[in-house]
Amino acid sequence: MKRPLFALLVILLVALSALAQTPNKDDPQQLLALVKEVQAQQAQIAANQAKIEAKLAELAETIRVARIYSSRSR
C-alpha cells in the first residue's frame, strides 16, 4: 500500500508544480479536476494491486498443491 500512496504524492506534486507555472493560478476548478483524476488513478492502482495479490495467492496455492502431489509420487 506504500507504493500507491507514494505514486499519488508524486502525481499530486507534479500537478501542483505544473499549476504553479501557469499564469492562471486562480482556477480552482482545474485543480479540483486534477485532484479527482489523481483519486481515480489511485483507486485504479489499488484495484490492480488487489488483483495482483489475489493471483499471487492463487499461484502460491497451486504450487503448494503441486508440491504435495509431487512428494507423494516419489
C-alpha atoms as a PDB file:
ATOM      1  CA  MET A   1       0.000   0.000   0.000  1.00  0.00           C
ATOM      2  CA  LYS A   2       3.003   2.313   0.348  1.00  0.00           C
ATOM      3  CA  ARG A   3       3.728   2.304  -3.373  1.00  0.00           C
ATOM      4  CA  PRO A   4       0.321   3.626  -4.486  1.00  0.00           C
ATOM      5  CA  LEU A   5       0.441   6.317  -1.800  1.00  0.00           C
ATOM      6  CA  PHE A   6       3.892   7.375  -2.985  1.00  0.00           C
ATOM      7  CA  ALA A   7       2.660   7.429  -6.573  1.00  0.00           C
ATOM      8  CA  LEU A   8      -0.277   9.595  -5.533  1.00  0.00           C
ATOM      9  CA  LEU A   9       2.022  12.059  -3.800  1.00  0.00           C
ATOM     10  CA  VAL A  10       4.344  12.260  -6.794  1.00  0.00           C
ATOM     11  CA  ILE A  11       1.459  12.822  -9.195  1.00  0.00           C
ATOM     12  CA  LEU A  12      -0.030  15.453  -6.926  1.00  0.00           C
ATOM     13  CA  LEU A  13       3.297  17.273  -6.608  1.00  0.00           C
ATOM     14  CA  VAL A  14       3.795  17.230 -10.381  1.00  0.00           C
ATOM     15  CA  ALA A  15       0.276  18.520 -10.909  1.00  0.00           C
ATOM     16  CA  LEU A  16       0.718  21.283  -8.362  1.00  0.00           C
ATOM     17  CA  SER A  17       4.069  22.321  -9.793  1.00  0.00           C
ATOM     18  CA  ALA A  18       2.553  22.427 -13.277  1.00  0.00           C
ATOM     19  CA  LEU A  19      -0.273  24.591 -11.972  1.00  0.00           C
ATOM     20  CA  ALA A  20       2.162  26.894 -10.211  1.00  0.00           C
ATOM     21  CA  GLN A  21       3.918  27.575 -13.501  1.00  0.00           C
ATOM     22  CA  THR A  22       0.760  28.539 -15.364  1.00  0.00           C
ATOM     23  CA  PRO A  23      -0.293  32.192 -15.427  1.00  0.00           C
ATOM     24  CA  ASN A  24      -3.875  31.348 -14.408  1.00  0.00           C
ATOM     25  CA  LYS A  25      -3.453  30.361 -10.764  1.00  0.00           C
ATOM     26  CA  ASP A  26      -6.985  31.332  -9.739  1.00  0.00           C
ATOM     27  CA  ASP A  27      -8.767  28.372 -11.343  1.00  0.00           C
ATOM     28  CA  PRO A  28      -9.886  26.060  -8.532  1.00  0.00           C
ATOM     29  CA  GLN A  29     -11.979  24.030 -10.979  1.00  0.00           C
ATOM     30  CA  GLN A  30      -8.854  22.919 -12.821  1.00  0.00           C
ATOM     31  CA  LEU A  31      -7.181  21.926  -9.554  1.00  0.00           C
ATOM     32  CA  LEU A  32     -10.309  20.069  -8.475  1.00  0.00           C
ATOM     33  CA  ALA A  33     -10.379  18.204 -11.783  1.00  0.00           C
ATOM     34  CA  LEU A  34      -6.734  17.205 -11.356  1.00  0.00           C
ATOM     35  CA  VAL A  35      -7.328  16.013  -7.801  1.00  0.00           C
ATOM     36  CA  LYS A  36     -10.288  13.935  -8.946  1.00  0.00           C
ATOM     37  CA  GLU A  37      -8.195  12.447 -11.742  1.00  0.00           C
ATOM     38  CA  VAL A  38      -5.459  11.540  -9.281  1.00  0.00           C
ATOM     39  CA  GLN A  39      -8.026   9.978  -6.956  1.00  0.00           C
ATOM     40  CA  ALA A  40      -9.412   7.908  -9.824  1.00  0.00           C
ATOM     41  CA  GLN A  41      -5.910   6.764 -10.739  1.00  0.00           C
ATOM     42  CA  GLN A  42      -5.247   5.882  -7.103  1.00  0.00           C
ATOM     43  CA  ALA A  43      -8.416   3.786  -6.992  1.00  0.00           C
ATOM     44  CA  GLN A  44      -7.389   2.004 -10.199  1.00  0.00           C
ATOM     45  CA  ILE A  45      -3.912   1.327  -8.796  1.00  0.00           C
ATOM     46  CA  ALA A  46      -5.417  -0.100  -5.609  1.00  0.00           C
ATOM     47  CA  ALA A  47      -7.778  -2.320  -7.613  1.00  0.00           C
ATOM     48  CA  ASN A  48      -4.926  -3.559  -9.784  1.00  0.00           C
ATOM     49  CA  GLN A  49      -2.812  -4.279  -6.702  1.00  0.00           C
ATOM     50  CA  ALA A  50      -5.661  -6.300  -5.180  1.00  0.00           C
ATOM     51  CA  LYS A  51      -5.971  -8.325  -8.403  1.00  0.00           C
ATOM     52  CA  ILE A  52      -2.225  -8.978  -8.445  1.00  0.00           C
ATOM     53  CA  GLU A  53      -2.248 -10.121  -4.820  1.00  0.00           C
ATOM     54  CA  ALA A  54      -5.201 -12.434  -5.475  1.00  0.00           C
ATOM     55  CA  LYS A  55      -3.460 -14.010  -8.469  1.00  0.00           C
ATOM     56  CA  LEU A  56      -0.252 -14.466  -6.462  1.00  0.00           C
ATOM     57  CA  ALA A  57      -2.177 -16.158  -3.662  1.00  0.00           C
ATOM     58  CA  GLU A  58      -3.858 -18.462  -6.190  1.00  0.00           C
ATOM     59  CA  LEU A  59      -0.499 -19.293  -7.766  1.00  0.00           C
ATOM     60  CA  ALA A  60       1.053 -19.988  -4.362  1.00  0.00           C
ATOM     61  CA  GLU A  61      -1.779 -22.385  -3.536  1.00  0.00           C
ATOM     62  CA  THR A  62      -1.385 -24.167  -6.879  1.00  0.00           C
ATOM     63  CA  ILE A  63       2.350 -24.573  -6.277  1.00  0.00           C
ATOM     64  CA  ARG A  64       1.708 -25.870  -2.751  1.00  0.00           C
ATOM     65  CA  VAL A  65      -0.730 -28.500  -4.040  1.00  0.00           C
ATOM     66  CA  ALA A  66       1.661 -29.481  -6.829  1.00  0.00           C
ATOM     67  CA  ARG A  67       4.445 -29.995  -4.293  1.00  0.00           C
ATOM     68  CA  ILE A  68       2.194 -32.186  -2.188  1.00  0.00           C
ATOM     69  CA  TYR A  69       1.309 -34.385  -5.167  1.00  0.00           C
ATOM     70  CA  SER A  70       4.930 -34.436  -6.303  1.00  0.00           C
ATOM     71  CA  SER A  71       6.150 -35.633  -2.919  1.00  0.00           C
ATOM     72  CA  ARG A  72       3.509 -38.394  -2.863  1.00  0.00           C
ATOM     73  CA  SER A  73       4.580 -39.798  -6.213  1.00  0.00           C
ATOM     74  CA  ARG A  74       8.181 -40.414  -5.142  1.00  0.00           C
END
